[in-house]
Amino acid sequence: MKRRLLLFLSANRLHAQLMAGGKIIGQQEFDSSQEGREGFAAFLQPVKCPAYLLADLIEEDFRPEIIPHLRGRSRNALLQRKFDQHYRGTPFHQATLLRRQKTGRRDDEMLLSALTNPALITPWLDILRVQEIPLAGIYSVPQASAPLIKNHASDHLLLVSWEKSAGLRQSYFIERRLQISRLTPVHAVSSFQDAVAKELSRTCQYLKSLSLLPEGQSLDVCIIGHSGDLAGLQEKLPQTTDLRYEFVGLDEIAAQLKIACRFTDSDASQIFLHELAAKPPKNHYANAAHTHHFTLWQLRHALGWISAAGLAGSLLWGAANVMLNNGNATATESLGIQTQHALNETRQITQGFADALPGTHASATEMKAGVSIMRKFAQSSPGPRAILQPISAVLDRFPQIELDNFGWRTNATGLASSDSASATGPPDTSTGTTITLKANLHGFASDYRAALAYLDSFQHELSTAGYQVSITTQPLDVGSGGSIADQRETPEKALDFSLQLIRRTPA
């Protein structure tokens, strides 16, 4: 059963009541003295449910504003400037969109409102914060009363109610949208009937002075109260063409809203509190700091629901697995029979080969030897990519060498014939690849010393890459019998050279 803590704040008192299942299970009142606040803190000790604070204060201001139709940050910045202009001294403010105009720039008609005396509400909020009570929001009686007239036919309606600890509340609606509201304290010496009769004429003149009530427009007045008070009030109210009265008993409203409450006077506080508990409206004046503990409370409950859903899902999954395993037992038995049948067929096929070719049977040792030989064959004949890629990488680092011709072959026998004739030692039985590379040097003009040094660096890079390099044709004849007299005229042709590269693969 859901529990809620409902708080009704007036100028000098705070009414607190705990509700569960639409019924009051405990209530108490506290004055604004130090003793009253200490009593309220003690009252909250066992309370862990969300709290809803309903304020009915004289210091609630309403200002209609027309602002340009904006969105996002621009709209927020404009509203913040309005708040700083009208309500700089209070954090309890809000802006309500009434409607968007249908002509001209189609501006937004807004209602700015605020609780202008924070000192009346802040001490109670501090107690809630210290006790870590999850405060859902701070609500306004005039704005919380809007659902009571949502189906009323009048476009200009004054709703009149009386809250015993606050006073006489008069809220004016145009087309069921709140425009302004006034609270008049009612002293003990004044009766509800006298207060209503006295204040109605003043409120009518006040609305006309603000041009909220059009000239010649009759004002519909809906008065809610105890049936006994309403019967006597009908005789006291002046009968004029400017005012049209409608009397609604609290018992009638309670029956419509399904509120289980008995009324002994015209105090309408319980109507607003019960409706707040049943259908909390959008928060009016609380900011994120005020509702911090309520946000945490919501997160805890959300995690609880997620955990419960996860547990339920796990149980369902486990039940499905049990049912699936019962079916799998039969399937496993069937698979075992099929496996045994396949093994029998394999034996029959193997036996058939043995009968047809008696010499085809090979032992495990012979199979291993065969696999080893095939691996050696694969290693002795590497692919072109593995052989040529290192050469390509070296050529990229020597852009002044142009490749003319390229050939390669794999030797299945030793490479001793490719080495120097003066080589000694046992014959080389390794296999490998012999690569023939023909190219030329360019860009050196007559600087032959630089060309030869460049070629030496090229050979050194190839050797580092794992090749045995030997030069078969020099770019210049540097021997004692050679001549370079004519090399200057044909430098590109004279700098041709060829190399032999050997990439060994161990036998």
Protein backbone atom coordinates (compact mmCIF):
# COMPACT_ATOMS: atom_id res chain seq x y z
CA MET A 1 0.00 0.00 0.00
CA LYS A 2 1.50 3.32 -1.09
CA ARG A 3 2.12 5.86 1.61
CA ARG A 4 2.42 9.60 1.12
CA LEU A 5 3.23 12.47 3.43
CA LEU A 6 1.05 15.49 2.65
CA LEU A 7 2.01 18.91 3.98
CA PHE A 8 -0.22 21.99 3.92
CA LEU A 9 1.69 25.22 4.57
CA SER A 10 0.05 28.52 5.54
CA ALA A 11 1.61 31.68 6.91
CA ASN A 12 1.90 30.51 10.53
CA ARG A 13 1.19 26.78 10.51
CA LEU A 14 2.15 23.51 8.86
CA HIS A 15 -0.37 20.69 8.68
CA ALA A 16 1.15 17.22 8.18
CA GLN A 17 -0.79 14.05 7.48
CA LEU A 18 0.20 10.54 6.46
CA MET A 19 -2.03 8.79 3.94
CA ALA A 20 -2.21 5.19 2.77
CA GLY A 21 -4.75 3.84 0.31
CA GLY A 22 -6.58 7.17 0.19
CA LYS A 23 -7.12 7.25 3.96
CA ILE A 24 -5.54 9.39 6.68
CA ILE A 25 -3.52 7.22 9.07
CA GLY A 26 -1.98 10.06 11.08
CA GLN A 27 -1.97 13.85 11.16
CA GLN A 28 -0.60 16.71 13.27
CA GLU A 29 -0.21 20.48 13.13
CA PHE A 30 2.89 22.55 13.92
CA ASP A 31 3.26 26.28 14.40
CA SER A 32 6.22 28.28 13.09
CA SER A 33 7.94 28.52 16.49
CA GLN A 34 11.13 26.68 17.41
CA GLU A 35 9.13 24.15 19.42
CA GLY A 36 6.84 23.56 16.43
CA ARG A 37 9.76 22.88 14.11
CA GLU A 38 11.36 20.51 16.61
CA GLY A 39 8.05 18.69 16.88
CA PHE A 40 7.88 18.41 13.10
CA ALA A 41 11.40 16.92 13.02
CA ALA A 42 10.33 14.35 15.60
CA PHE A 43 7.18 13.57 13.59
CA LEU A 44 9.36 12.77 10.55
CA GLN A 45 11.60 10.26 12.34
CA PRO A 46 9.66 7.12 11.28
CA VAL A 47 8.62 8.56 7.90
CA LYS A 48 10.36 7.24 4.76
CA CYS A 49 7.71 7.83 2.09
CA PRO A 50 7.61 10.72 -0.44
CA ALA A 51 6.34 14.11 0.71
CA TYR A 52 4.19 16.62 -1.19
CA LEU A 53 4.16 20.22 0.04
CA LEU A 54 1.07 22.33 -0.77
CA ALA A 55 1.49 26.06 -0.07
CA ASP A 56 -1.35 28.54 0.42
CA LEU A 57 0.35 31.88 1.09
CA ILE A 58 -0.49 35.53 0.62
CA GLU A 59 3.07 36.01 -0.69
CA GLU A 60 2.34 34.24 -3.98
CA ASP A 61 2.60 36.63 -6.91
CA PHE A 62 1.24 36.22 -10.45
CA ARG A 63 2.34 38.22 -13.51
CA PRO A 64 1.00 37.70 -17.05
CA GLU A 65 3.74 38.22 -19.66
CA ILE A 66 3.87 38.12 -23.45
CA ILE A 67 7.24 36.95 -24.78
CA PRO A 68 8.55 36.00 -28.23
CA HIS A 69 8.11 32.38 -29.22
CA LEU A 70 11.56 30.90 -28.64
CA ARG A 71 13.00 27.46 -27.98
CA GLY A 72 15.87 25.89 -26.14
CA ARG A 73 18.58 28.02 -24.57
CA SER A 74 17.23 31.29 -25.94
CA ARG A 75 13.87 30.68 -24.26
CA ASN A 76 15.49 29.67 -20.96
CA ALA A 77 17.74 32.74 -20.99
CA LEU A 78 14.79 35.06 -21.64
CA LEU A 79 12.74 33.52 -18.81
CA GLN A 80 15.69 33.75 -16.45
CA ARG A 81 15.96 37.49 -17.19
CA LYS A 82 12.26 37.83 -16.38
CA PHE A 83 12.76 35.98 -13.09
CA ASP A 84 15.73 38.19 -12.21
CA GLN A 85 13.64 41.25 -13.01
CA HIS A 86 10.55 40.33 -10.97
CA TYR A 87 11.61 37.63 -8.48
CA ARG A 88 15.29 38.12 -7.80
CA GLY A 89 15.06 37.31 -4.09
CA THR A 90 13.41 33.88 -4.29
CA PRO A 91 14.25 30.50 -5.85
CA PHE A 92 10.58 29.47 -5.80
CA HIS A 93 9.36 30.63 -9.22
CA GLN A 94 8.00 29.17 -12.42
CA ALA A 95 6.71 30.11 -15.88
CA THR A 96 3.54 28.53 -17.29
CA LEU A 97 2.61 28.70 -20.96
CA LEU A 98 -1.03 29.80 -21.22
CA ARG A 99 -1.33 29.80 -24.98
CA ARG A 100 0.30 30.98 -28.20
CA GLN A 101 -1.25 33.93 -29.95
CA LYS A 102 -2.88 33.22 -33.30
CA THR A 103 -2.11 36.55 -35.00
CA GLY A 104 0.88 38.82 -35.51
CA ARG A 105 4.19 37.34 -34.42
CA ARG A 106 2.33 34.55 -32.63
CA ASP A 107 4.00 35.32 -29.32
CA ASP A 108 3.62 33.20 -26.20
CA GLU A 109 1.28 34.28 -23.41
CA MET A 110 2.97 33.23 -20.17
CA LEU A 111 2.06 33.35 -16.50
CA LEU A 112 5.03 34.01 -14.21
CA SER A 113 4.45 33.17 -10.56
CA ALA A 114 6.55 32.90 -7.41
CA LEU A 115 6.48 32.51 -3.65
CA THR A 116 8.03 35.87 -2.83
CA ASN A 117 8.85 35.27 0.86
CA PRO A 118 11.28 32.32 1.05
CA ALA A 119 11.59 32.73 4.84
CA LEU A 120 8.13 31.18 5.27
CA ILE A 121 9.03 27.93 3.55
CA THR A 122 12.81 27.46 3.80
CA PRO A 123 12.93 26.37 7.51
CA TRP A 124 10.50 23.53 6.83
CA LEU A 125 12.47 22.46 3.75
CA ASP A 126 15.67 22.38 5.79
CA ILE A 127 14.06 19.95 8.22
CA LEU A 128 12.95 17.72 5.34
CA ARG A 129 16.45 17.79 3.88
CA VAL A 130 18.14 16.91 7.18
CA GLN A 131 15.71 14.02 7.70
CA GLU A 132 16.36 12.92 4.07
CA ILE A 133 12.65 12.92 3.28
CA PRO A 134 12.09 12.50 -0.49
CA LEU A 135 10.27 15.72 -1.42
CA ALA A 136 8.38 15.22 -4.70
CA GLY A 137 7.52 18.88 -5.21
CA ILE A 138 6.20 22.18 -3.92
CA TYR A 139 2.69 22.95 -5.13
CA SER A 140 0.42 25.98 -5.21
CA VAL A 141 -3.26 25.87 -4.16
CA PRO A 142 -4.43 28.17 -6.99
CA GLN A 143 -2.66 26.07 -9.60
CA ALA A 144 -3.66 22.78 -7.97
CA SER A 145 -7.32 23.88 -8.11
CA ALA A 146 -7.35 24.02 -11.93
CA PRO A 147 -8.58 20.38 -12.28
CA LEU A 148 -11.73 21.28 -10.32
CA ILE A 149 -12.97 23.58 -13.11
CA LYS A 150 -11.50 21.82 -16.19
CA ASN A 151 -14.98 20.93 -17.48
CA HIS A 152 -16.71 24.19 -16.52
CA ALA A 153 -18.57 25.93 -19.33
CA SER A 154 -17.68 29.52 -18.32
CA ASP A 155 -14.80 31.38 -20.00
CA HIS A 156 -14.58 33.89 -17.13
CA LEU A 157 -14.76 32.08 -13.83
CA LEU A 158 -13.84 33.04 -10.27
CA LEU A 159 -13.29 30.02 -8.01
CA VAL A 160 -13.79 30.78 -4.29
CA SER A 161 -12.65 28.42 -1.54
CA TRP A 162 -11.78 28.70 2.14
CA GLU A 163 -8.86 27.02 3.91
CA LYS A 164 -9.18 27.34 7.66
CA SER A 165 -5.48 27.94 8.45
CA ALA A 166 -4.84 30.21 5.43
CA GLY A 167 -7.92 32.27 4.51
CA LEU A 168 -10.29 32.94 1.62
CA ARG A 169 -8.76 32.01 -1.75
CA GLN A 170 -10.13 33.55 -4.98
CA SER A 171 -8.63 32.32 -8.26
CA TYR A 172 -9.62 33.82 -11.62
CA PHE A 173 -9.61 31.67 -14.79
CA ILE A 174 -10.02 32.70 -18.42
CA GLU A 175 -10.93 29.76 -20.63
CA ARG A 176 -9.92 27.47 -17.75
CA ARG A 177 -6.40 28.92 -17.58
CA LEU A 178 -5.32 30.55 -14.33
CA GLN A 179 -4.67 34.30 -14.63
CA ILE A 180 -4.45 35.61 -11.08
CA SER A 181 -5.27 34.60 -7.51
CA ARG A 182 -5.79 36.44 -4.20
CA LEU A 183 -5.69 35.17 -0.61
CA THR A 184 -7.49 37.11 2.10
CA PRO A 185 -6.93 36.12 5.76
CA VAL A 186 -10.17 35.42 7.61
CA HIS A 187 -10.04 36.33 11.27
CA ALA A 188 -11.77 34.27 13.92
CA VAL A 189 -14.35 36.99 14.47
CA SER A 190 -15.39 36.82 10.81
CA SER A 191 -17.47 33.99 9.43
CA PHE A 192 -16.98 32.30 6.09
CA GLN A 193 -20.23 33.83 4.83
CA ASP A 194 -19.28 37.38 5.84
CA ALA A 195 -15.82 37.07 4.27
CA VAL A 196 -17.21 35.89 0.92
CA ALA A 197 -19.88 38.60 0.76
CA LYS A 198 -17.35 41.30 1.59
CA GLU A 199 -14.54 40.21 -0.78
CA LEU A 200 -16.51 39.34 -3.92
CA SER A 201 -17.34 42.93 -4.85
CA ARG A 202 -13.74 43.99 -4.25
CA THR A 203 -12.38 41.21 -6.45
CA CYS A 204 -14.78 42.08 -9.27
CA GLN A 205 -13.60 45.71 -9.26
CA TYR A 206 -9.97 44.55 -9.08
CA LEU A 207 -10.34 42.37 -12.17
CA LYS A 208 -11.92 45.21 -14.12
CA SER A 209 -9.12 47.58 -13.12
CA LEU A 210 -6.57 45.12 -14.55
CA SER A 211 -8.65 44.76 -17.75
CA LEU A 212 -8.83 41.03 -17.12
CA LEU A 213 -12.64 41.11 -17.17
CA PRO A 214 -13.92 42.61 -20.44
CA GLU A 215 -16.36 45.52 -20.26
CA GLY A 216 -19.93 44.27 -20.05
CA GLN A 217 -18.82 40.68 -19.36
CA SER A 218 -20.58 38.92 -16.48
CA LEU A 219 -18.37 37.12 -13.97
CA ASP A 220 -19.30 33.57 -13.06
CA VAL A 221 -18.51 32.84 -9.42
CA CYS A 222 -18.16 29.23 -8.25
CA ILE A 223 -18.18 28.96 -4.47
CA ILE A 224 -17.30 25.67 -2.80
CA GLY A 225 -18.12 25.09 0.86
CA HIS A 226 -20.20 23.21 3.37
CA SER A 227 -23.83 22.83 2.36
CA GLY A 228 -25.00 24.61 5.54
CA ASP A 229 -22.78 27.63 4.91
CA LEU A 230 -23.77 27.79 1.24
CA ALA A 231 -27.48 27.91 2.12
CA GLY A 232 -26.98 30.93 4.37
CA LEU A 233 -24.58 32.55 1.89
CA GLN A 234 -27.18 32.69 -0.88
CA GLU A 235 -29.21 35.14 1.20
CA LYS A 236 -26.26 37.46 1.90
CA LEU A 237 -24.81 37.83 -1.58
CA PRO A 238 -26.01 40.79 -3.63
CA GLN A 239 -27.98 39.88 -6.75
CA THR A 240 -26.54 41.83 -9.71
CA THR A 241 -26.22 41.28 -13.45
CA ASP A 242 -22.43 41.44 -13.18
CA LEU A 243 -22.18 38.39 -10.94
CA ARG A 244 -23.63 34.95 -11.48
CA TYR A 245 -23.27 32.50 -8.59
CA GLU A 246 -22.82 28.75 -8.51
CA PHE A 247 -22.70 26.89 -5.18
CA VAL A 248 -20.95 23.51 -4.96
CA GLY A 249 -20.92 21.51 -1.74
CA LEU A 250 -17.72 19.87 -0.52
CA ASP A 251 -19.56 16.55 -0.14
CA GLU A 252 -20.53 16.73 -3.81
CA ILE A 253 -16.92 17.33 -4.88
CA ALA A 254 -15.69 14.54 -2.59
CA ALA A 255 -18.15 12.12 -4.18
CA GLN A 256 -17.00 13.05 -7.69
CA LEU A 257 -13.32 12.66 -6.76
CA LYS A 258 -13.98 9.52 -4.68
CA ILE A 259 -12.61 11.09 -1.52
CA ALA A 260 -13.56 9.34 1.70
CA CYS A 261 -13.80 12.36 3.98
CA ARG A 262 -16.53 13.96 6.12
CA PHE A 263 -16.76 17.75 6.23
CA THR A 264 -18.04 19.66 9.26
CA ASP A 265 -17.33 23.15 7.92
CA SER A 266 -16.30 24.86 4.67
CA ASP A 267 -12.58 24.11 5.00
CA ALA A 268 -11.55 22.81 1.55
CA SER A 269 -7.98 21.84 2.51
CA GLN A 270 -8.71 18.11 2.43
CA ILE A 271 -10.10 18.37 -1.11
CA PHE A 272 -6.78 19.73 -2.37
CA LEU A 273 -4.67 17.36 -0.25
CA HIS A 274 -6.55 14.22 -1.31
CA GLU A 275 -6.44 15.26 -4.96
CA LEU A 276 -2.72 15.96 -4.62
CA ALA A 277 -2.19 12.46 -3.19
CA ALA A 278 -4.27 10.79 -5.92
CA LYS A 279 -3.02 12.75 -8.95
CA PRO A 280 0.09 14.82 -8.22
CA PRO A 281 0.40 17.57 -10.84
CA LYS A 282 3.65 18.77 -12.34
CA ASN A 283 5.97 20.27 -9.75
CA HIS A 284 5.43 24.03 -9.40
CA TYR A 285 8.17 25.62 -7.30
CA ALA A 286 10.75 23.02 -6.18
CA ASN A 287 14.12 22.94 -7.92
CA ALA A 288 16.60 20.06 -8.30
CA ALA A 289 18.23 20.74 -4.92
CA HIS A 290 14.86 20.46 -3.15
CA THR A 291 13.93 17.17 -4.89
CA HIS A 292 17.38 15.54 -4.64
CA HIS A 293 16.32 12.84 -2.18
CA PHE A 294 13.16 12.14 -4.19
CA THR A 295 15.29 11.52 -7.29
CA LEU A 296 17.41 9.04 -5.33
CA TRP A 297 14.25 7.40 -4.01
CA GLN A 298 12.95 6.96 -7.56
CA LEU A 299 16.27 5.44 -8.67
CA ARG A 300 16.23 2.95 -5.81
CA HIS A 301 12.70 1.86 -6.66
CA ALA A 302 13.54 1.63 -10.36
CA LEU A 303 16.53 -0.58 -9.57
CA GLY A 304 14.31 -2.71 -7.36
CA TRP A 305 11.84 -3.24 -10.18
CA ILE A 306 14.65 -4.03 -12.61
CA SER A 307 16.10 -6.57 -10.17
CA ALA A 308 12.69 -8.18 -9.70
CA ALA A 309 12.18 -8.34 -13.45
CA GLY A 310 15.65 -9.87 -13.87
CA LEU A 311 14.91 -12.49 -11.21
CA ALA A 312 11.58 -13.34 -12.84
CA GLY A 313 13.31 -13.64 -16.20
CA SER A 314 15.98 -15.91 -14.72
CA LEU A 315 13.33 -18.16 -13.19
CA LEU A 316 11.49 -18.38 -16.50
CA TRP A 317 14.74 -19.13 -18.32
CA GLY A 318 15.61 -21.84 -15.80
CA ALA A 319 12.19 -23.41 -16.16
CA ALA A 320 12.55 -23.38 -19.95
CA ASN A 321 15.99 -25.01 -19.66
CA VAL A 322 14.59 -27.78 -17.45
CA MET A 323 11.91 -28.50 -20.02
CA LEU A 324 14.47 -28.33 -22.82
CA ASN A 325 16.82 -30.73 -21.01
CA ASN A 326 14.02 -33.24 -20.60
CA GLY A 327 13.60 -33.17 -24.36
CA ASN A 328 17.37 -33.28 -24.92
CA ALA A 329 17.70 -36.57 -23.04
CA THR A 330 15.66 -38.29 -25.72
CA ALA A 331 17.58 -36.49 -28.47
CA THR A 332 20.93 -37.53 -26.91
CA GLU A 333 19.93 -41.18 -26.90
CA SER A 334 18.95 -40.92 -30.56
CA LEU A 335 22.29 -39.27 -31.44
CA GLY A 336 24.18 -42.07 -29.66
CA ILE A 337 22.44 -44.68 -31.80
CA GLN A 338 23.25 -42.72 -34.97
CA THR A 339 26.93 -42.38 -33.94
CA GLN A 340 27.29 -46.13 -33.35
CA HIS A 341 25.70 -46.80 -36.72
CA ALA A 342 28.22 -44.45 -38.43
CA LEU A 343 31.16 -46.18 -36.72
CA ASN A 344 29.96 -49.57 -37.92
CA GLU A 345 29.75 -48.27 -41.51
CA THR A 346 33.30 -46.84 -41.22
CA ARG A 347 34.68 -50.20 -40.13
CA GLN A 348 32.95 -51.90 -43.04
CA ILE A 349 34.41 -49.44 -45.58
CA THR A 350 37.92 -49.79 -44.11
CA GLN A 351 37.68 -53.56 -44.20
CA GLY A 352 36.55 -53.37 -47.82
CA PHE A 353 39.69 -51.43 -48.81
CA ALA A 354 41.89 -53.90 -46.94
CA ASP A 355 40.32 -56.84 -48.75
CA ALA A 356 40.63 -55.18 -52.18
CA LEU A 357 44.19 -53.78 -51.72
CA PRO A 358 46.03 -55.79 -49.11
CA GLY A 359 49.14 -53.59 -49.29
CA THR A 360 47.40 -50.27 -48.60
CA HIS A 361 47.56 -50.46 -44.84
CA ALA A 362 50.09 -47.99 -43.34
CA SER A 363 51.34 -47.82 -39.78
CA ALA A 364 51.33 -44.64 -37.67
CA THR A 365 55.15 -44.33 -37.96
CA GLU A 366 55.01 -44.41 -41.75
CA MET A 367 52.22 -41.82 -41.78
CA LYS A 368 54.32 -39.50 -39.59
CA ALA A 369 57.35 -39.87 -41.86
CA GLY A 370 55.25 -39.05 -44.90
CA VAL A 371 53.87 -35.88 -43.33
CA SER A 372 57.42 -34.74 -42.37
CA ILE A 373 58.67 -35.21 -45.94
CA MET A 374 55.74 -33.20 -47.33
CA ARG A 375 56.48 -30.36 -44.91
CA LYS A 376 60.14 -30.26 -46.06
CA PHE A 377 59.01 -30.08 -49.67
CA ALA A 378 56.76 -27.13 -48.79
CA GLN A 379 59.60 -25.33 -46.96
CA SER A 380 62.11 -25.91 -49.77
CA SER A 381 59.94 -24.16 -52.28
CA PRO A 382 58.87 -20.83 -50.80
CA GLY A 383 56.36 -18.71 -52.67
CA PRO A 384 57.34 -15.71 -54.81
CA ARG A 385 55.88 -13.22 -52.35
CA ALA A 386 58.19 -14.28 -49.51
CA ILE A 387 61.26 -14.07 -51.82
CA LEU A 388 60.55 -10.89 -53.74
CA GLN A 389 58.93 -8.66 -51.11
CA PRO A 390 62.24 -7.89 -49.27
CA ILE A 391 63.89 -6.92 -52.61
CA SER A 392 61.00 -4.59 -53.39
CA ALA A 393 61.36 -2.95 -49.98
CA VAL A 394 65.11 -2.32 -50.57
CA LEU A 395 64.48 -0.90 -54.07
CA ASP A 396 62.00 1.58 -52.57
CA ARG A 397 64.81 3.01 -50.46
CA PHE A 398 67.10 3.48 -53.52
CA PRO A 399 65.12 5.57 -56.02
CA GLN A 400 68.23 6.21 -58.28
CA ILE A 401 68.28 2.52 -59.28
CA GLU A 402 65.99 1.62 -62.20
CA LEU A 403 65.17 -2.06 -62.63
CA ASP A 404 65.50 -3.33 -66.23
CA ASN A 405 65.20 -7.10 -65.93
CA PHE A 406 64.45 -9.58 -63.20
CA GLY A 407 64.60 -13.39 -63.13
CA TRP A 408 64.59 -16.12 -60.55
CA ARG A 409 64.78 -19.89 -60.24
CA THR A 410 64.57 -22.44 -57.47
CA ASN A 411 67.52 -24.85 -57.15
CA ALA A 412 66.73 -28.35 -55.99
CA THR A 413 70.44 -29.19 -55.58
CA GLY A 414 73.34 -27.51 -53.83
CA LEU A 415 74.34 -23.92 -54.59
CA ALA A 416 78.09 -24.46 -54.48
CA SER A 417 78.40 -23.60 -58.15
CA SER A 418 77.06 -20.13 -57.50
CA ASP A 419 79.70 -19.27 -54.92
CA SER A 420 83.24 -18.18 -55.48
CA ALA A 421 85.59 -20.70 -57.07
CA SER A 422 87.99 -20.35 -54.19
CA ALA A 423 85.44 -21.50 -51.61
CA THR A 424 86.61 -24.41 -49.48
CA GLY A 425 84.90 -26.88 -47.18
CA PRO A 426 82.32 -29.56 -47.70
CA PRO A 427 79.76 -29.23 -50.51
CA ASP A 428 76.71 -27.08 -49.77
CA THR A 429 73.64 -29.31 -49.74
CA SER A 430 71.14 -26.54 -48.99
CA THR A 431 68.42 -25.53 -51.44
CA GLY A 432 67.33 -22.05 -52.31
CA THR A 433 66.46 -19.47 -54.95
CA THR A 434 68.81 -17.70 -57.37
CA ILE A 435 67.70 -14.25 -58.50
CA THR A 436 69.18 -12.32 -61.43
CA LEU A 437 68.71 -8.57 -61.25
CA LYS A 438 69.65 -6.19 -64.09
CA ALA A 439 69.36 -2.43 -63.52
CA ASN A 440 71.06 0.92 -64.08
CA LEU A 441 72.10 3.92 -62.04
CA HIS A 442 70.87 7.36 -63.05
CA GLY A 443 71.16 10.89 -61.79
CA PHE A 444 74.91 10.82 -61.08
CA ALA A 445 76.17 12.48 -64.32
CA SER A 446 79.96 12.10 -64.20
CA ASP A 447 80.25 11.55 -60.45
CA TYR A 448 81.29 7.89 -60.74
CA ARG A 449 82.63 7.69 -57.22
CA ALA A 450 79.20 8.55 -55.81
CA ALA A 451 77.53 6.06 -58.16
CA LEU A 452 79.80 3.21 -57.02
CA ALA A 453 79.25 4.13 -53.35
CA TYR A 454 75.49 4.17 -53.95
CA LEU A 455 75.68 0.70 -55.52
CA ASP A 456 77.73 -0.61 -52.58
CA SER A 457 75.06 0.64 -50.16
CA PHE A 458 72.39 -1.12 -52.24
CA GLN A 459 74.32 -4.41 -52.08
CA HIS A 460 74.78 -4.01 -48.31
CA GLU A 461 71.02 -3.52 -47.79
CA LEU A 462 70.30 -6.67 -49.80
CA SER A 463 72.78 -8.63 -47.71
CA THR A 464 71.11 -7.35 -44.52
CA ALA A 465 67.76 -8.55 -45.90
CA GLY A 466 69.13 -12.14 -46.05
CA TYR A 467 70.47 -12.43 -49.61
CA GLN A 468 73.95 -13.53 -50.74
CA VAL A 469 74.92 -10.82 -53.24
CA SER A 470 77.49 -11.01 -56.00
CA ILE A 471 77.93 -8.50 -58.83
CA THR A 472 78.16 -10.00 -62.30
CA THR A 473 78.46 -6.80 -64.35
CA GLN A 474 80.02 -3.57 -63.07
CA PRO A 475 78.59 -0.19 -64.12
CA LEU A 476 82.17 0.96 -64.83
CA ASP A 477 85.28 -0.88 -65.91
CA VAL A 478 87.64 0.17 -63.13
CA GLY A 479 90.31 -2.39 -64.04
CA SER A 480 93.83 -1.44 -65.16
CA GLY A 481 93.01 -2.20 -68.80
CA GLY A 482 89.75 -0.36 -68.91
CA SER A 483 88.98 3.06 -70.33
CA ILE A 484 86.38 5.59 -69.29
CA ALA A 485 87.19 8.26 -71.77
CA ASP A 486 83.90 7.95 -73.61
CA GLN A 487 81.63 7.39 -70.59
CA ARG A 488 80.74 11.07 -70.23
CA GLU A 489 78.80 11.11 -73.47
CA THR A 490 76.50 8.18 -72.60
CA PRO A 491 76.21 8.18 -68.84
CA GLU A 492 72.90 6.34 -68.58
CA LYS A 493 73.96 3.44 -70.75
CA ALA A 494 77.42 3.17 -69.22
CA LEU A 495 76.00 2.75 -65.66
CA ASP A 496 74.20 -0.52 -66.33
CA PHE A 497 74.95 -3.32 -63.90
CA SER A 498 73.69 -6.79 -62.91
CA LEU A 499 73.59 -8.70 -59.64
CA GLN A 500 73.08 -12.30 -58.63
CA LEU A 501 71.16 -12.85 -55.39
CA ILE A 502 70.92 -16.18 -53.58
CA ARG A 503 68.30 -16.89 -50.89
CA ARG A 504 69.20 -20.10 -49.10
CA THR A 505 66.69 -22.52 -47.60
CA PRO A 506 68.11 -25.11 -45.15
CA ALA A 507 67.87 -28.68 -46.38
